[in-house]
Amino acid sequence: MAIYRLLKNSTLEPKEISRITEAYEQALHALSVKDRDDPLTEMIAKQIIKIAQTGVHDAGQLSALAIAQLAVR
């Protein structure tokens, strides 16, 4: 899965990784993405990580912002 591969060597705290993966799962669910090999999953994962690095910590907000910024909805 894209998010786990991208976070594999991360120096983020476990709590932050948990929030990011939760946001990722929420985004995939909201977009009805079932195929975890879909290239969209990596785009979503990268966007969520990018947004999280700006200081957004709420999983729901991370998910919503990533979807909005990718304009995929």
Protein backbone atom coordinates (compact mmCIF):
# COMPACT_ATOMS: atom_id res chain seq x y z
CA MET A 1 0.00 0.00 0.00
CA ALA A 2 1.31 3.41 -0.97
CA ILE A 3 1.10 5.12 2.41
CA TYR A 4 3.00 2.40 4.26
CA ARG A 5 5.74 2.32 1.65
CA LEU A 6 6.13 6.10 1.84
CA LEU A 7 6.22 6.11 5.64
CA LYS A 8 8.47 3.06 5.94
CA ASN A 9 11.68 4.98 6.70
CA SER A 10 9.97 7.99 8.22
CA THR A 11 11.19 9.68 11.37
CA LEU A 12 7.64 10.60 12.35
CA GLU A 13 6.26 9.64 15.74
CA PRO A 14 3.94 6.59 15.85
CA LYS A 15 1.00 8.81 16.84
CA GLU A 16 1.51 11.00 13.77
CA ILE A 17 1.90 7.98 11.50
CA SER A 18 -1.36 6.65 12.90
CA ARG A 19 -3.16 9.92 12.07
CA ILE A 20 -1.72 9.98 8.56
CA THR A 21 -2.71 6.39 7.83
CA GLU A 22 -6.18 7.05 9.26
CA ALA A 23 -6.54 10.06 6.95
CA TYR A 24 -5.35 7.94 4.02
CA GLU A 25 -7.94 5.26 4.74
CA GLN A 26 -10.67 7.88 5.11
CA ALA A 27 -9.74 9.46 1.77
CA LEU A 28 -9.75 6.12 -0.04
CA HIS A 29 -13.12 5.27 1.50
CA ALA A 30 -14.58 8.69 0.60
CA LEU A 31 -13.42 8.23 -2.99
CA SER A 32 -14.55 4.59 -3.12
CA VAL A 33 -11.07 3.45 -4.12
CA LYS A 34 -10.95 -0.31 -3.62
CA ASP A 35 -7.92 -1.18 -5.76
CA ARG A 36 -4.92 -0.42 -3.57
CA ASP A 37 -2.65 -0.65 -6.64
CA ASP A 38 -4.50 2.24 -8.30
CA PRO A 39 -2.04 5.10 -9.03
CA LEU A 40 -4.49 7.43 -7.29
CA THR A 41 -3.59 5.84 -3.95
CA GLU A 42 -0.01 7.08 -4.19
CA MET A 43 -1.14 10.58 -5.17
CA ILE A 44 -3.45 10.67 -2.15
CA ALA A 45 -0.74 9.35 0.17
CA LYS A 46 1.80 11.94 -0.97
CA GLN A 47 -0.72 14.76 -0.64
CA ILE A 48 -1.72 13.71 2.87
CA ILE A 49 1.92 13.52 3.98
CA LYS A 50 2.60 16.93 2.43
CA ILE A 51 -0.37 18.48 4.23
CA ALA A 52 0.57 16.81 7.53
CA GLN A 53 4.00 18.42 7.30
CA THR A 54 2.33 21.85 7.36
CA GLY A 55 1.00 21.18 10.85
CA VAL A 56 -2.48 19.79 10.19
CA HIS A 57 -3.01 16.96 12.66
CA ASP A 58 -6.69 16.01 12.40
CA ALA A 59 -7.17 12.90 10.25
CA GLY A 60 -10.53 14.07 8.91
CA GLN A 61 -9.12 17.43 7.95
CA LEU A 62 -6.06 15.83 6.34
CA SER A 63 -8.30 13.59 4.29
CA ALA A 64 -10.66 16.40 3.21
CA LEU A 65 -7.81 18.75 2.30
CA ALA A 66 -6.02 16.09 0.27
CA ILE A 67 -9.17 15.30 -1.69
CA ALA A 68 -9.87 18.98 -2.28
CA GLN A 69 -6.31 19.77 -3.35
CA LEU A 70 -6.21 16.87 -5.77
CA ALA A 71 -9.65 17.89 -7.07
CA VAL A 72 -10.61 14.27 -7.55
CA ARG A 73 -14.05 14.39 -6.03
